[in-house]
Amino acid sequence: MGLWTLLEGCLLLANALAILNEDRFLTPRGWSFQEYSGARRNSVKGQIIGLIYTTQYLRVLLILLNTLCIVIKFVSG
């Protein structure tokens, strides 16, 4: 496994986190951002919730990274 494969895997994981719907998926399972504030944000669950919301906030950057990845795949074969 090379570095490029690892970066592609991280990009796919970020894409998966970015498409999670809060109303349909996160809130029924207790992963809503409003439920965690203050000291609870330092827990592992709070950190994961923060990561999910960060990826949803940076969707434009993900679109650009996906486009770059596709172009590199077309060029390199």
N, C-alpha and C. Protein backbone atom coordinates (compact mmCIF):
# COMPACT_ATOMS: atom_id res chain seq x y z
N MET A 1 0.86 -1.17 0.00
CA MET A 1 0.00 0.00 0.00
C MET A 1 0.90 1.23 0.00
N GLY A 2 0.65 2.09 -0.94
CA GLY A 2 1.46 3.29 -1.06
C GLY A 2 0.79 4.49 -0.40
N LEU A 3 1.50 5.59 -0.45
CA LEU A 3 1.00 6.83 0.14
C LEU A 3 -0.23 7.33 -0.61
N TRP A 4 -0.23 7.17 -1.95
CA TRP A 4 -1.37 7.63 -2.74
C TRP A 4 -2.63 6.85 -2.36
N THR A 5 -2.51 5.56 -2.17
CA THR A 5 -3.66 4.73 -1.79
C THR A 5 -4.18 5.14 -0.41
N LEU A 6 -3.28 5.44 0.50
CA LEU A 6 -3.69 5.90 1.83
C LEU A 6 -4.43 7.24 1.76
N LEU A 7 -3.93 8.16 0.93
CA LEU A 7 -4.60 9.45 0.76
C LEU A 7 -5.98 9.29 0.12
N GLU A 8 -6.10 8.40 -0.85
CA GLU A 8 -7.40 8.13 -1.46
C GLU A 8 -8.38 7.54 -0.44
N GLY A 9 -7.90 6.67 0.41
CA GLY A 9 -8.74 6.09 1.45
C GLY A 9 -9.24 7.15 2.43
N CYS A 10 -8.36 8.08 2.81
CA CYS A 10 -8.76 9.17 3.70
C CYS A 10 -9.79 10.07 3.03
N LEU A 11 -9.62 10.31 1.73
CA LEU A 11 -10.58 11.12 0.98
C LEU A 11 -11.94 10.42 0.92
N LEU A 12 -11.95 9.13 0.72
CA LEU A 12 -13.20 8.38 0.70
C LEU A 12 -13.89 8.41 2.07
N LEU A 13 -13.11 8.31 3.13
CA LEU A 13 -13.67 8.40 4.48
C LEU A 13 -14.26 9.78 4.74
N ALA A 14 -13.57 10.82 4.30
CA ALA A 14 -14.09 12.19 4.46
C ALA A 14 -15.37 12.37 3.67
N ASN A 15 -15.44 11.78 2.48
CA ASN A 15 -16.68 11.84 1.69
C ASN A 15 -17.82 11.14 2.41
N ALA A 16 -17.53 10.01 3.01
CA ALA A 16 -18.57 9.27 3.73
C ALA A 16 -19.08 10.06 4.93
N LEU A 17 -18.20 10.75 5.62
CA LEU A 17 -18.64 11.55 6.77
C LEU A 17 -19.41 12.79 6.33
N ALA A 18 -19.07 13.33 5.17
CA ALA A 18 -19.70 14.56 4.70
C ALA A 18 -21.15 14.35 4.26
N ILE A 19 -21.50 13.14 3.86
CA ILE A 19 -22.86 12.93 3.36
C ILE A 19 -23.84 12.44 4.43
N LEU A 20 -23.37 12.27 5.66
CA LEU A 20 -24.28 11.83 6.72
C LEU A 20 -25.32 12.91 7.01
N ASN A 21 -26.57 12.52 7.02
CA ASN A 21 -27.67 13.44 7.30
C ASN A 21 -27.94 13.46 8.80
N GLU A 22 -27.96 14.67 9.37
CA GLU A 22 -28.15 14.78 10.81
C GLU A 22 -29.55 14.32 11.24
N ASP A 23 -30.57 14.72 10.52
CA ASP A 23 -31.94 14.39 10.91
C ASP A 23 -32.25 12.91 10.76
N ARG A 24 -31.75 12.29 9.71
CA ARG A 24 -32.10 10.90 9.44
C ARG A 24 -31.16 9.90 10.09
N PHE A 25 -29.89 10.27 10.29
CA PHE A 25 -28.93 9.29 10.76
C PHE A 25 -28.34 9.63 12.13
N LEU A 26 -27.90 10.85 12.32
CA LEU A 26 -27.14 11.18 13.52
C LEU A 26 -28.02 11.38 14.75
N THR A 27 -29.09 12.16 14.64
CA THR A 27 -29.93 12.47 15.80
C THR A 27 -30.60 11.24 16.41
N PRO A 28 -31.18 10.32 15.61
CA PRO A 28 -31.79 9.13 16.24
C PRO A 28 -30.80 8.25 17.00
N ARG A 29 -29.54 8.34 16.68
CA ARG A 29 -28.53 7.53 17.35
C ARG A 29 -27.81 8.28 18.47
N GLY A 30 -28.24 9.51 18.75
CA GLY A 30 -27.65 10.28 19.83
C GLY A 30 -26.34 10.95 19.46
N TRP A 31 -26.12 11.22 18.18
CA TRP A 31 -24.88 11.83 17.73
C TRP A 31 -25.10 13.25 17.24
N SER A 32 -26.09 13.93 17.77
CA SER A 32 -26.39 15.30 17.36
C SER A 32 -25.38 16.26 17.97
N PHE A 33 -25.07 17.32 17.23
CA PHE A 33 -24.08 18.28 17.70
C PHE A 33 -24.60 19.10 18.87
N GLN A 34 -25.90 19.32 18.97
CA GLN A 34 -26.45 20.11 20.06
C GLN A 34 -26.42 19.37 21.40
N GLU A 35 -26.34 18.06 21.37
CA GLU A 35 -26.32 17.28 22.61
C GLU A 35 -24.97 17.35 23.33
N TYR A 36 -23.94 17.72 22.62
CA TYR A 36 -22.60 17.73 23.19
C TYR A 36 -22.07 19.15 23.24
N SER A 37 -21.87 19.64 24.43
CA SER A 37 -21.30 20.97 24.61
C SER A 37 -20.46 20.97 25.87
N GLY A 38 -19.60 21.93 25.97
CA GLY A 38 -18.77 22.07 27.17
C GLY A 38 -17.75 20.97 27.32
N ALA A 39 -17.75 20.31 28.46
CA ALA A 39 -16.74 19.30 28.78
C ALA A 39 -16.93 18.02 27.97
N ARG A 40 -18.13 17.77 27.48
CA ARG A 40 -18.36 16.54 26.72
C ARG A 40 -17.69 16.56 25.35
N ARG A 41 -17.31 17.73 24.88
CA ARG A 41 -16.66 17.82 23.57
C ARG A 41 -15.27 17.21 23.60
N ASN A 42 -14.69 17.05 24.76
CA ASN A 42 -13.35 16.48 24.86
C ASN A 42 -13.36 14.96 24.86
N SER A 43 -14.54 14.35 24.91
CA SER A 43 -14.60 12.89 24.88
C SER A 43 -14.37 12.40 23.45
N VAL A 44 -14.18 11.10 23.30
CA VAL A 44 -13.94 10.52 21.98
C VAL A 44 -15.17 10.72 21.10
N LYS A 45 -16.35 10.50 21.66
CA LYS A 45 -17.58 10.67 20.90
C LYS A 45 -17.75 12.13 20.48
N GLY A 46 -17.43 13.04 21.35
CA GLY A 46 -17.51 14.46 21.03
C GLY A 46 -16.53 14.85 19.93
N GLN A 47 -15.33 14.26 19.95
CA GLN A 47 -14.35 14.54 18.92
C GLN A 47 -14.79 13.99 17.56
N ILE A 48 -15.41 12.81 17.56
CA ILE A 48 -15.91 12.24 16.31
C ILE A 48 -17.05 13.09 15.75
N ILE A 49 -17.93 13.57 16.61
CA ILE A 49 -19.02 14.44 16.17
C ILE A 49 -18.44 15.73 15.58
N GLY A 50 -17.42 16.28 16.21
CA GLY A 50 -16.77 17.46 15.67
C GLY A 50 -16.14 17.20 14.31
N LEU A 51 -15.55 16.02 14.12
CA LEU A 51 -14.97 15.65 12.83
C LEU A 51 -16.04 15.54 11.76
N ILE A 52 -17.18 14.95 12.11
CA ILE A 52 -18.29 14.83 11.16
C ILE A 52 -18.77 16.21 10.71
N TYR A 53 -18.96 17.11 11.65
CA TYR A 53 -19.44 18.44 11.30
C TYR A 53 -18.38 19.26 10.56
N THR A 54 -17.12 19.01 10.82
CA THR A 54 -16.07 19.70 10.08
C THR A 54 -16.07 19.27 8.63
N THR A 55 -16.21 17.98 8.37
CA THR A 55 -16.23 17.52 6.99
C THR A 55 -17.47 18.02 6.26
N GLN A 56 -18.59 18.14 6.96
CA GLN A 56 -19.78 18.68 6.32
C GLN A 56 -19.62 20.17 6.02
N TYR A 57 -18.88 20.86 6.83
CA TYR A 57 -18.66 22.29 6.63
C TYR A 57 -17.70 22.55 5.46
N LEU A 58 -16.76 21.65 5.24
CA LEU A 58 -15.76 21.82 4.20
C LEU A 58 -16.08 21.04 2.93
N ARG A 59 -17.33 21.00 2.53
CA ARG A 59 -17.74 20.23 1.35
C ARG A 59 -17.13 20.77 0.06
N VAL A 60 -16.96 22.08 -0.04
CA VAL A 60 -16.37 22.66 -1.26
C VAL A 60 -14.93 22.18 -1.43
N LEU A 61 -14.18 22.14 -0.35
CA LEU A 61 -12.82 21.63 -0.40
C LEU A 61 -12.81 20.15 -0.81
N LEU A 62 -13.77 19.38 -0.30
CA LEU A 62 -13.86 17.97 -0.69
C LEU A 62 -14.17 17.82 -2.17
N ILE A 63 -15.01 18.68 -2.70
CA ILE A 63 -15.32 18.63 -4.14
C ILE A 63 -14.05 18.90 -4.96
N LEU A 64 -13.28 19.88 -4.53
CA LEU A 64 -12.04 20.18 -5.24
C LEU A 64 -11.04 19.03 -5.14
N LEU A 65 -10.91 18.43 -3.97
CA LEU A 65 -10.00 17.30 -3.81
C LEU A 65 -10.45 16.08 -4.62
N ASN A 66 -11.75 15.85 -4.69
CA ASN A 66 -12.26 14.75 -5.50
C ASN A 66 -11.98 14.99 -6.98
N THR A 67 -12.17 16.22 -7.43
CA THR A 67 -11.89 16.56 -8.82
C THR A 67 -10.41 16.37 -9.14
N LEU A 68 -9.55 16.81 -8.24
CA LEU A 68 -8.11 16.64 -8.42
C LEU A 68 -7.74 15.15 -8.48
N CYS A 69 -8.35 14.37 -7.62
CA CYS A 69 -8.08 12.93 -7.59
C CYS A 69 -8.51 12.26 -8.90
N ILE A 70 -9.67 12.67 -9.41
CA ILE A 70 -10.16 12.11 -10.68
C ILE A 70 -9.24 12.47 -11.83
N VAL A 71 -8.80 13.72 -11.88
CA VAL A 71 -7.91 14.17 -12.94
C VAL A 71 -6.59 13.41 -12.89
N ILE A 72 -6.04 13.23 -11.70
CA ILE A 72 -4.79 12.49 -11.57
C ILE A 72 -4.97 11.04 -12.00
N LYS A 73 -6.11 10.45 -11.67
CA LYS A 73 -6.37 9.06 -12.10
C LYS A 73 -6.48 8.96 -13.62
N PHE A 74 -7.10 9.96 -14.26
CA PHE A 74 -7.19 9.96 -15.72
C PHE A 74 -5.82 10.11 -16.37
N VAL A 75 -4.99 10.96 -15.82
CA VAL A 75 -3.68 11.22 -16.39
C VAL A 75 -2.75 10.03 -16.18
N SER A 76 -2.74 9.48 -14.98
CA SER A 76 -1.79 8.41 -14.67
C SER A 76 -2.26 7.03 -15.12
N GLY A 77 -3.55 6.89 -15.36
CA GLY A 77 -4.07 5.62 -15.84
C GLY A 77 -4.43 4.72 -14.79
